[in-house]
Amino acid sequence: MYGLDLLSDTYFINMNLKRKNVLGIDIGISSCGWGILDVNTGEIISAGVRLFGEGTSELNEKRRGYRGGRRLLRRRKHRLERLERFLVNEDIISELNV
């Protein structure tokens, strides 16, 4: 098993099998925290947090609109697929595969 090393914010695989590191992740509602510890020494190699901005009702409406549009397109495509399958099964048309 390989460990992780942090060198100037760039991760690379540490081929030294004697050194063991642990990655800890704390996922919250509006943040994600992480830390890398050296198991042998207990030293904190690196740690950080990523904060996410709060959502607003305006952004929620916009996201809901996009989701509704995707659903409409998916339903329309599925209806056309079902219609084609029905027409092929009834020998009204040959397979289209468009």
PDB file of N, CA and C in Angstrom:
ATOM      1  N   MET A   1       0.843  -1.176   0.000  1.00  0.00           N
ATOM      2  CA  MET A   1       0.000   0.000   0.000  1.00  0.00           C
ATOM      3  C   MET A   1       0.888   1.237   0.000  1.00  0.00           C
ATOM      4  N   TYR A   2       0.507   2.228  -0.773  1.00  0.00           N
ATOM      5  CA  TYR A   2       1.285   3.446  -0.888  1.00  0.00           C
ATOM      6  C   TYR A   2       0.681   4.538  -0.025  1.00  0.00           C
ATOM      7  N   GLY A   3       1.494   5.452   0.428  1.00  0.00           N
ATOM      8  CA  GLY A   3       1.013   6.579   1.205  1.00  0.00           C
ATOM      9  C   GLY A   3       0.994   7.829   0.341  1.00  0.00           C
ATOM     10  N   LEU A   4       0.381   8.887   0.849  1.00  0.00           N
ATOM     11  CA  LEU A   4       0.353  10.161   0.143  1.00  0.00           C
ATOM     12  C   LEU A   4       1.354  11.107   0.773  1.00  0.00           C
ATOM     13  N   ASP A   5       2.049  11.858  -0.036  1.00  0.00           N
ATOM     14  CA  ASP A   5       2.923  12.924   0.443  1.00  0.00           C
ATOM     15  C   ASP A   5       2.438  14.229  -0.164  1.00  0.00           C
ATOM     16  N   LEU A   6       2.648  15.306   0.529  1.00  0.00           N
ATOM     17  CA  LEU A   6       2.272  16.622   0.037  1.00  0.00           C
ATOM     18  C   LEU A   6       3.540  17.434  -0.152  1.00  0.00           C
ATOM     19  N   LEU A   7       3.779  17.866  -1.370  1.00  0.00           N
ATOM     20  CA  LEU A   7       4.955  18.675  -1.670  1.00  0.00           C
ATOM     21  C   LEU A   7       4.484  19.856  -2.497  1.00  0.00           C
ATOM     22  N   SER A   8       4.506  21.034  -1.910  1.00  0.00           N
ATOM     23  CA  SER A   8       4.080  22.277  -2.551  1.00  0.00           C
ATOM     24  C   SER A   8       2.711  22.115  -3.216  1.00  0.00           C
ATOM     25  N   ASP A   9       1.734  21.651  -2.442  1.00  0.00           N
ATOM     26  CA  ASP A   9       0.346  21.496  -2.881  1.00  0.00           C
ATOM     27  C   ASP A   9       0.178  20.503  -4.028  1.00  0.00           C
ATOM     28  N   THR A  10       1.155  19.632  -4.261  1.00  0.00           N
ATOM     29  CA  THR A  10       1.038  18.604  -5.293  1.00  0.00           C
ATOM     30  C   THR A  10       1.183  17.244  -4.638  1.00  0.00           C
ATOM     31  N   TYR A  11       0.195  16.378  -4.837  1.00  0.00           N
ATOM     32  CA  TYR A  11       0.227  15.051  -4.249  1.00  0.00           C
ATOM     33  C   TYR A  11       1.008  14.102  -5.153  1.00  0.00           C
ATOM     34  N   PHE A  12       1.793  13.234  -4.570  1.00  0.00           N
ATOM     35  CA  PHE A  12       2.443  12.181  -5.327  1.00  0.00           C
ATOM     36  C   PHE A  12       2.513  10.947  -4.458  1.00  0.00           C
ATOM     37  N   ILE A  13       2.701   9.797  -5.076  1.00  0.00           N
ATOM     38  CA  ILE A  13       2.715   8.536  -4.340  1.00  0.00           C
ATOM     39  C   ILE A  13       4.070   8.345  -3.687  1.00  0.00           C
ATOM     40  N   ASN A  14       4.061   8.055  -2.403  1.00  0.00           N
ATOM     41  CA  ASN A  14       5.274   7.802  -1.649  1.00  0.00           C
ATOM     42  C   ASN A  14       5.536   6.296  -1.696  1.00  0.00           C
ATOM     43  N   MET A  15       6.626   5.887  -2.312  1.00  0.00           N
ATOM     44  CA  MET A  15       6.929   4.473  -2.462  1.00  0.00           C
ATOM     45  C   MET A  15       7.520   3.875  -1.185  1.00  0.00           C
ATOM     46  N   ASN A  16       7.809   4.697  -0.165  1.00  0.00           N
ATOM     47  CA  ASN A  16       8.345   4.209   1.095  1.00  0.00           C
ATOM     48  C   ASN A  16       7.206   3.563   1.883  1.00  0.00           C
ATOM     49  N   LEU A  17       7.216   2.253   2.010  1.00  0.00           N
ATOM     50  CA  LEU A  17       6.128   1.537   2.647  1.00  0.00           C
ATOM     51  C   LEU A  17       6.142   1.682   4.161  1.00  0.00           C
ATOM     52  N   LYS A  18       7.245   2.162   4.760  1.00  0.00           N
ATOM     53  CA  LYS A  18       7.317   2.318   6.207  1.00  0.00           C
ATOM     54  C   LYS A  18       6.523   3.526   6.684  1.00  0.00           C
ATOM     55  N   ARG A  19       6.355   4.505   5.828  1.00  0.00           N
ATOM     56  CA  ARG A  19       5.612   5.712   6.199  1.00  0.00           C
ATOM     57  C   ARG A  19       4.142   5.505   5.855  1.00  0.00           C
ATOM     58  N   LYS A  20       3.281   5.661   6.860  1.00  0.00           N
ATOM     59  CA  LYS A  20       1.852   5.488   6.636  1.00  0.00           C
ATOM     60  C   LYS A  20       1.146   6.797   6.942  1.00  0.00           C
ATOM     61  N   ASN A  21       0.319   7.206   6.014  1.00  0.00           N
ATOM     62  CA  ASN A  21      -0.454   8.426   6.153  1.00  0.00           C
ATOM     63  C   ASN A  21      -1.933   8.097   6.130  1.00  0.00           C
ATOM     64  N   VAL A  22      -2.707   8.951   6.772  1.00  0.00           N
ATOM     65  CA  VAL A  22      -4.153   8.784   6.807  1.00  0.00           C
ATOM     66  C   VAL A  22      -4.790  10.060   6.285  1.00  0.00           C
ATOM     67  N   LEU A  23      -5.774   9.897   5.415  1.00  0.00           N
ATOM     68  CA  LEU A  23      -6.552  11.017   4.902  1.00  0.00           C
ATOM     69  C   LEU A  23      -7.879  11.029   5.636  1.00  0.00           C
ATOM     70  N   GLY A  24      -8.192  12.130   6.302  1.00  0.00           N
ATOM     71  CA  GLY A  24      -9.471  12.289   6.995  1.00  0.00           C
ATOM     72  C   GLY A  24     -10.298  13.332   6.286  1.00  0.00           C
ATOM     73  N   ILE A  25     -11.582  13.038   6.111  1.00  0.00           N
ATOM     74  CA  ILE A  25     -12.488  13.956   5.421  1.00  0.00           C
ATOM     75  C   ILE A  25     -13.707  14.193   6.296  1.00  0.00           C
ATOM     76  N   ASP A  26     -14.096  15.448   6.436  1.00  0.00           N
ATOM     77  CA  ASP A  26     -15.293  15.825   7.182  1.00  0.00           C
ATOM     78  C   ASP A  26     -16.209  16.584   6.232  1.00  0.00           C
ATOM     79  N   ILE A  27     -17.286  15.937   5.820  1.00  0.00           N
ATOM     80  CA  ILE A  27     -18.203  16.549   4.861  1.00  0.00           C
ATOM     81  C   ILE A  27     -19.396  17.109   5.616  1.00  0.00           C
ATOM     82  N   GLY A  28     -19.575  18.399   5.504  1.00  0.00           N
ATOM     83  CA  GLY A  28     -20.689  19.072   6.160  1.00  0.00           C
ATOM     84  C   GLY A  28     -21.679  19.607   5.145  1.00  0.00           C
ATOM     85  N   ILE A  29     -22.656  20.373   5.620  1.00  0.00           N
ATOM     86  CA  ILE A  29     -23.691  20.926   4.747  1.00  0.00           C
ATOM     87  C   ILE A  29     -23.120  22.015   3.849  1.00  0.00           C
ATOM     88  N   SER A  30     -22.308  22.896   4.407  1.00  0.00           N
ATOM     89  CA  SER A  30     -21.785  24.012   3.613  1.00  0.00           C
ATOM     90  C   SER A  30     -20.260  24.035   3.582  1.00  0.00           C
ATOM     91  N   SER A  31     -19.617  22.907   3.940  1.00  0.00           N
ATOM     92  CA  SER A  31     -18.153  22.865   3.910  1.00  0.00           C
ATOM     93  C   SER A  31     -17.668  21.430   3.784  1.00  0.00           C
ATOM     94  N   CYS A  32     -16.409  21.312   3.390  1.00  0.00           N
ATOM     95  CA  CYS A  32     -15.748  20.009   3.317  1.00  0.00           C
ATOM     96  C   CYS A  32     -14.328  20.202   3.856  1.00  0.00           C
ATOM     97  N   GLY A  33     -14.027  19.548   4.975  1.00  0.00           N
ATOM     98  CA  GLY A  33     -12.708  19.657   5.580  1.00  0.00           C
ATOM     99  C   GLY A  33     -11.899  18.396   5.338  1.00  0.00           C
ATOM    100  N   TRP A  34     -10.580  18.538   5.295  1.00  0.00           N
ATOM    101  CA  TRP A  34      -9.712  17.388   5.060  1.00  0.00           C
ATOM    102  C   TRP A  34      -8.401  17.582   5.803  1.00  0.00           C
ATOM    103  N   GLY A  35      -7.756  16.472   6.081  1.00  0.00           N
ATOM    104  CA  GLY A  35      -6.459  16.510   6.739  1.00  0.00           C
ATOM    105  C   GLY A  35      -5.679  15.246   6.433  1.00  0.00           C
ATOM    106  N   ILE A  36      -4.359  15.372   6.345  1.00  0.00           N
ATOM    107  CA  ILE A  36      -3.480  14.230   6.116  1.00  0.00           C
ATOM    108  C   ILE A  36      -2.537  14.134   7.307  1.00  0.00           C
ATOM    109  N   LEU A  37      -2.529  12.966   7.951  1.00  0.00           N
ATOM    110  CA  LEU A  37      -1.725  12.745   9.151  1.00  0.00           C
ATOM    111  C   LEU A  37      -0.694  11.657   8.909  1.00  0.00           C
ATOM    112  N   ASP A  38       0.491  11.832   9.499  1.00  0.00           N
ATOM    113  CA  ASP A  38       1.500  10.778   9.516  1.00  0.00           C
ATOM    114  C   ASP A  38       1.192   9.903  10.728  1.00  0.00           C
ATOM    115  N   VAL A  39       0.870   8.645  10.491  1.00  0.00           N
ATOM    116  CA  VAL A  39       0.463   7.748  11.568  1.00  0.00           C
ATOM    117  C   VAL A  39       1.603   7.505  12.546  1.00  0.00           C
ATOM    118  N   ASN A  40       2.813   7.367  12.050  1.00  0.00           N
ATOM    119  CA  ASN A  40       3.952   7.050  12.916  1.00  0.00           C
ATOM    120  C   ASN A  40       4.287   8.170  13.890  1.00  0.00           C
ATOM    121  N   THR A  41       4.269   9.411  13.438  1.00  0.00           N
ATOM    122  CA  THR A  41       4.664  10.529  14.288  1.00  0.00           C
ATOM    123  C   THR A  41       3.484  11.315  14.836  1.00  0.00           C
ATOM    124  N   GLY A  42       2.291  11.142  14.253  1.00  0.00           N
ATOM    125  CA  GLY A  42       1.128  11.923  14.656  1.00  0.00           C
ATOM    126  C   GLY A  42       1.153  13.327  14.098  1.00  0.00           C
ATOM    127  N   GLU A  43       2.094  13.614  13.212  1.00  0.00           N
ATOM    128  CA  GLU A  43       2.271  14.940  12.628  1.00  0.00           C
ATOM    129  C   GLU A  43       1.177  15.218  11.601  1.00  0.00           C
ATOM    130  N   ILE A  44       0.660  16.443  11.622  1.00  0.00           N
ATOM    131  CA  ILE A  44      -0.299  16.882  10.603  1.00  0.00           C
ATOM    132  C   ILE A  44       0.503  17.321   9.386  1.00  0.00           C
ATOM    133  N   ILE A  45       0.379  16.591   8.309  1.00  0.00           N
ATOM    134  CA  ILE A  45       1.131  16.913   7.094  1.00  0.00           C
ATOM    135  C   ILE A  45       0.466  18.065   6.356  1.00  0.00           C
ATOM    136  N   SER A  46      -0.847  18.000   6.243  1.00  0.00           N
ATOM    137  CA  SER A  46      -1.574  19.055   5.564  1.00  0.00           C
ATOM    138  C   SER A  46      -3.028  19.002   6.003  1.00  0.00           C
ATOM    139  N   ALA A  47      -3.694  20.155   5.972  1.00  0.00           N
ATOM    140  CA  ALA A  47      -5.108  20.223   6.326  1.00  0.00           C
ATOM    141  C   ALA A  47      -5.725  21.425   5.643  1.00  0.00           C
ATOM    142  N   GLY A  48      -7.009  21.358   5.443  1.00  0.00           N
ATOM    143  CA  GLY A  48      -7.690  22.478   4.804  1.00  0.00           C
ATOM    144  C   GLY A  48      -9.193  22.304   4.857  1.00  0.00           C
ATOM    145  N   VAL A  49      -9.870  23.325   4.363  1.00  0.00           N
ATOM    146  CA  VAL A  49     -11.326  23.306   4.317  1.00  0.00           C
ATOM    147  C   VAL A  49     -11.786  24.046   3.070  1.00  0.00           C
ATOM    148  N   ARG A  50     -12.894  23.587   2.513  1.00  0.00           N
ATOM    149  CA  ARG A  50     -13.505  24.257   1.370  1.00  0.00           C
ATOM    150  C   ARG A  50     -14.897  24.662   1.798  1.00  0.00           C
ATOM    151  N   LEU A  51     -15.166  25.962   1.819  1.00  0.00           N
ATOM    152  CA  LEU A  51     -16.468  26.481   2.210  1.00  0.00           C
ATOM    153  C   LEU A  51     -17.307  26.732   0.966  1.00  0.00           C
ATOM    154  N   PHE A  52     -18.580  26.379   1.042  1.00  0.00           N
ATOM    155  CA  PHE A  52     -19.507  26.583  -0.068  1.00  0.00           C
ATOM    156  C   PHE A  52     -20.477  27.694   0.306  1.00  0.00           C
ATOM    157  N   GLY A  53     -20.807  28.502  -0.666  1.00  0.00           N
ATOM    158  CA  GLY A  53     -21.733  29.601  -0.426  1.00  0.00           C
ATOM    159  C   GLY A  53     -23.149  29.096  -0.185  1.00  0.00           C
ATOM    160  N   GLU A  54     -23.929  29.911   0.519  1.00  0.00           N
ATOM    161  CA  GLU A  54     -25.313  29.542   0.796  1.00  0.00           C
ATOM    162  C   GLU A  54     -26.160  29.693  -0.458  1.00  0.00           C
ATOM    163  N   GLY A  55     -27.151  28.835  -0.571  1.00  0.00           N
ATOM    164  CA  GLY A  55     -28.092  28.942  -1.672  1.00  0.00           C
ATOM    165  C   GLY A  55     -29.150  29.984  -1.355  1.00  0.00           C
ATOM    166  N   THR A  56     -29.692  30.587  -2.390  1.00  0.00           N
ATOM    167  CA  THR A  56     -30.763  31.562  -2.219  1.00  0.00           C
ATOM    168  C   THR A  56     -32.002  31.040  -2.934  1.00  0.00           C
ATOM    169  N   SER A  57     -33.146  31.615  -2.629  1.00  0.00           N
ATOM    170  CA  SER A  57     -34.381  31.171  -3.277  1.00  0.00           C
ATOM    171  C   SER A  57     -34.320  31.438  -4.782  1.00  0.00           C
ATOM    172  N   GLU A  58     -33.629  32.501  -5.173  1.00  0.00           N
ATOM    173  CA  GLU A  58     -33.490  32.811  -6.606  1.00  0.00           C
ATOM    174  C   GLU A  58     -32.693  31.716  -7.319  1.00  0.00           C
ATOM    175  N   LEU A  59     -31.593  31.273  -6.687  1.00  0.00           N
ATOM    176  CA  LEU A  59     -30.792  30.193  -7.281  1.00  0.00           C
ATOM    177  C   LEU A  59     -31.562  28.881  -7.305  1.00  0.00           C
ATOM    178  N   ASN A  60     -32.372  28.642  -6.255  1.00  0.00           N
ATOM    179  CA  ASN A  60     -33.178  27.420  -6.214  1.00  0.00           C
ATOM    180  C   ASN A  60     -34.184  27.392  -7.350  1.00  0.00           C
ATOM    181  N   GLU A  61     -34.827  28.518  -7.632  1.00  0.00           N
ATOM    182  CA  GLU A  61     -35.795  28.593  -8.726  1.00  0.00           C
ATOM    183  C   GLU A  61     -35.110  28.332 -10.066  1.00  0.00           C
ATOM    184  N   LYS A  62     -33.942  28.900 -10.245  1.00  0.00           N
ATOM    185  CA  LYS A  62     -33.192  28.715 -11.485  1.00  0.00           C
ATOM    186  C   LYS A  62     -32.826  27.244 -11.663  1.00  0.00           C
ATOM    187  N   ARG A  63     -32.321  26.614 -10.592  1.00  0.00           N
ATOM    188  CA  ARG A  63     -31.939  25.209 -10.645  1.00  0.00           C
ATOM    189  C   ARG A  63     -33.160  24.323 -10.915  1.00  0.00           C
ATOM    190  N   ARG A  64     -34.282  24.669 -10.279  1.00  0.00           N
ATOM    191  CA  ARG A  64     -35.519  23.917 -10.491  1.00  0.00           C
ATOM    192  C   ARG A  64     -35.973  24.015 -11.945  1.00  0.00           C
ATOM    193  N   GLY A  65     -35.817  25.200 -12.540  1.00  0.00           N
ATOM    194  CA  GLY A  65     -36.183  25.389 -13.952  1.00  0.00           C
ATOM    195  C   GLY A  65     -35.342  24.517 -14.871  1.00  0.00           C
ATOM    196  N   TYR A  66     -34.038  24.463 -14.630  1.00  0.00           N
ATOM    197  CA  TYR A  66     -33.158  23.615 -15.436  1.00  0.00           C
ATOM    198  C   TYR A  66     -33.526  22.139 -15.282  1.00  0.00           C
ATOM    199  N   ARG A  67     -33.808  21.730 -14.049  1.00  0.00           N
ATOM    200  CA  ARG A  67     -34.172  20.330 -13.787  1.00  0.00           C
ATOM    201  C   ARG A  67     -35.478  19.991 -14.500  1.00  0.00           C
ATOM    202  N   GLY A  68     -36.442  20.915 -14.471  1.00  0.00           N
ATOM    203  CA  GLY A  68     -37.716  20.692 -15.169  1.00  0.00           C
ATOM    204  C   GLY A  68     -37.514  20.548 -16.664  1.00  0.00           C
ATOM    205  N   GLY A  69     -36.620  21.361 -17.227  1.00  0.00           N
ATOM    206  CA  GLY A  69     -36.324  21.262 -18.657  1.00  0.00           C
ATOM    207  C   GLY A  69     -35.709  19.921 -19.021  1.00  0.00           C
ATOM    208  N   ARG A  70     -34.791  19.454 -18.167  1.00  0.00           N
ATOM    209  CA  ARG A  70     -34.177  18.134 -18.423  1.00  0.00           C
ATOM    210  C   ARG A  70     -35.215  17.034 -18.358  1.00  0.00           C
ATOM    211  N   ARG A  71     -36.130  17.135 -17.404  1.00  0.00           N
ATOM    212  CA  ARG A  71     -37.182  16.118 -17.281  1.00  0.00           C
ATOM    213  C   ARG A  71     -38.088  16.116 -18.504  1.00  0.00           C
ATOM    214  N   LEU A  72     -38.458  17.310 -18.990  1.00  0.00           N
ATOM    215  CA  LEU A  72     -39.306  17.389 -20.183  1.00  0.00           C
ATOM    216  C   LEU A  72     -38.633  16.715 -21.372  1.00  0.00           C
ATOM    217  N   LEU A  73     -37.350  17.005 -21.588  1.00  0.00           N
ATOM    218  CA  LEU A  73     -36.630  16.403 -22.707  1.00  0.00           C
ATOM    219  C   LEU A  73     -36.536  14.887 -22.557  1.00  0.00           C
ATOM    220  N   ARG A  74     -36.247  14.412 -21.341  1.00  0.00           N
ATOM    221  CA  ARG A  74     -36.139  12.977 -21.107  1.00  0.00           C
ATOM    222  C   ARG A  74     -37.477  12.283 -21.340  1.00  0.00           C
ATOM    223  N   ARG A  75     -38.577  12.883 -20.867  1.00  0.00           N
ATOM    224  CA  ARG A  75     -39.904  12.287 -21.056  1.00  0.00           C
ATOM    225  C   ARG A  75     -40.300  12.258 -22.526  1.00  0.00           C
ATOM    226  N   ARG A  76     -40.010  13.343 -23.253  1.00  0.00           N
ATOM    227  CA  ARG A  76     -40.330  13.393 -24.684  1.00  0.00           C
ATOM    228  C   ARG A  76     -39.567  12.304 -25.437  1.00  0.00           C
ATOM    229  N   LYS A  77     -38.286  12.161 -25.129  1.00  0.00           N
ATOM    230  CA  LYS A  77     -37.474  11.131 -25.780  1.00  0.00           C
ATOM    231  C   LYS A  77     -38.018   9.737 -25.461  1.00  0.00           C
ATOM    232  N   HIS A  78     -38.412   9.504 -24.213  1.00  0.00           N
ATOM    233  CA  HIS A  78     -38.926   8.200 -23.813  1.00  0.00           C
ATOM    234  C   HIS A  78     -40.262   7.900 -24.506  1.00  0.00           C
ATOM    235  N   ARG A  79     -41.125   8.929 -24.644  1.00  0.00           N
ATOM    236  CA  ARG A  79     -42.399   8.722 -25.353  1.00  0.00           C
ATOM    237  C   ARG A  79     -42.155   8.332 -26.800  1.00  0.00           C
ATOM    238  N   LEU A  80     -41.202   8.992 -27.459  1.00  0.00           N
ATOM    239  CA  LEU A  80     -40.899   8.664 -28.853  1.00  0.00           C
ATOM    240  C   LEU A  80     -40.336   7.255 -28.980  1.00  0.00           C
ATOM    241  N   GLU A  81     -39.490   6.856 -28.013  1.00  0.00           N
ATOM    242  CA  GLU A  81     -38.941   5.498 -28.033  1.00  0.00           C
ATOM    243  C   GLU A  81     -40.056   4.465 -27.865  1.00  0.00           C
ATOM    244  N   ARG A  82     -40.993   4.740 -26.950  1.00  0.00           N
ATOM    245  CA  ARG A  82     -42.107   3.800 -26.731  1.00  0.00           C
ATOM    246  C   ARG A  82     -43.000   3.728 -27.957  1.00  0.00           C
ATOM    247  N   LEU A  83     -43.250   4.872 -28.608  1.00  0.00           N
ATOM    248  CA  LEU A  83     -44.066   4.888 -29.820  1.00  0.00           C
ATOM    249  C   LEU A  83     -43.398   4.079 -30.926  1.00  0.00           C
ATOM    250  N   GLU A  84     -42.099   4.282 -31.109  1.00  0.00           N
ATOM    251  CA  GLU A  84     -41.376   3.529 -32.135  1.00  0.00           C
ATOM    252  C   GLU A  84     -41.433   2.029 -31.837  1.00  0.00           C
ATOM    253  N   ARG A  85     -41.212   1.647 -30.585  1.00  0.00           N
ATOM    254  CA  ARG A  85     -41.257   0.235 -30.201  1.00  0.00           C
ATOM    255  C   ARG A  85     -42.648  -0.361 -30.485  1.00  0.00           C
ATOM    256  N   PHE A  86     -43.708   0.403 -30.175  1.00  0.00           N
ATOM    257  CA  PHE A  86     -45.079  -0.065 -30.436  1.00  0.00           C
ATOM    258  C   PHE A  86     -45.311  -0.261 -31.931  1.00  0.00           C
ATOM    259  N   LEU A  87     -44.916   0.732 -32.742  1.00  0.00           N
ATOM    260  CA  LEU A  87     -45.132   0.647 -34.191  1.00  0.00           C
ATOM    261  C   LEU A  87     -44.348  -0.501 -34.809  1.00  0.00           C
ATOM    262  N   VAL A  88     -43.152  -0.770 -34.324  1.00  0.00           N
ATOM    263  CA  VAL A  88     -42.350  -1.884 -34.820  1.00  0.00           C
ATOM    264  C   VAL A  88     -42.998  -3.204 -34.411  1.00  0.00           C
ATOM    265  N   ASN A  89     -43.463  -3.324 -33.168  1.00  0.00           N
ATOM    266  CA  ASN A  89     -44.100  -4.555 -32.694  1.00  0.00           C
ATOM    267  C   ASN A  89     -45.390  -4.858 -33.442  1.00  0.00           C
ATOM    268  N   GLU A  90     -46.096  -3.825 -33.885  1.00  0.00           N
ATOM    269  CA  GLU A  90     -47.342  -4.014 -34.625  1.00  0.00           C
ATOM    270  C   GLU A  90     -47.102  -4.145 -36.129  1.00  0.00           C
ATOM    271  N   ASP A  91     -45.847  -4.206 -36.553  1.00  0.00           N
ATOM    272  CA  ASP A  91     -45.455  -4.316 -37.975  1.00  0.00           C
ATOM    273  C   ASP A  91     -46.020  -3.178 -38.824  1.00  0.00           C
ATOM    274  N   ILE A  92     -46.120  -2.001 -38.230  1.00  0.00           N
ATOM    275  CA  ILE A  92     -46.569  -0.834 -38.980  1.00  0.00           C
ATOM    276  C   ILE A  92     -45.370  -0.191 -39.663  1.00  0.00           C
ATOM    277  N   ILE A  93     -44.248  -0.186 -39.006  1.00  0.00           N
ATOM    278  CA  ILE A  93     -42.998   0.331 -39.576  1.00  0.00           C
ATOM    279  C   ILE A  93     -41.888  -0.654 -39.318  1.00  0.00           C
ATOM    280  N   SER A  94     -40.791  -0.514 -40.079  1.00  0.00           N
ATOM    281  CA  SER A  94     -39.595  -1.286 -39.765  1.00  0.00           C
ATOM    282  C   SER A  94     -38.785  -0.484 -38.755  1.00  0.00           C
ATOM    283  N   GLU A  95     -37.794  -1.103 -38.163  1.00  0.00           N
ATOM    284  CA  GLU A  95     -37.011  -0.426 -37.138  1.00  0.00           C
ATOM    285  C   GLU A  95     -36.311   0.792 -37.697  1.00  0.00           C
ATOM    286  N   LEU A  96     -36.367   1.887 -36.953  1.00  0.00           N
ATOM    287  CA  LEU A  96     -35.746   3.143 -37.389  1.00  0.00           C
ATOM    288  C   LEU A  96     -34.317   3.276 -36.884  1.00  0.00           C
ATOM    289  N   ASN A  97     -34.125   3.083 -35.565  1.00  0.00           N
ATOM    290  CA  ASN A  97     -32.810   3.238 -34.916  1.00  0.00           C
ATOM    291  C   ASN A  97     -32.191   4.587 -35.234  1.00  0.00           C
ATOM    292  N   VAL A  98     -32.952   5.648 -35.117  1.00  0.00           N
ATOM    293  CA  VAL A  98     -32.446   6.992 -35.394  1.00  0.00           C
ATOM    294  C   VAL A  98     -31.759   7.565 -34.209  1.00  0.00           C
TER     295      VAL A  98
END
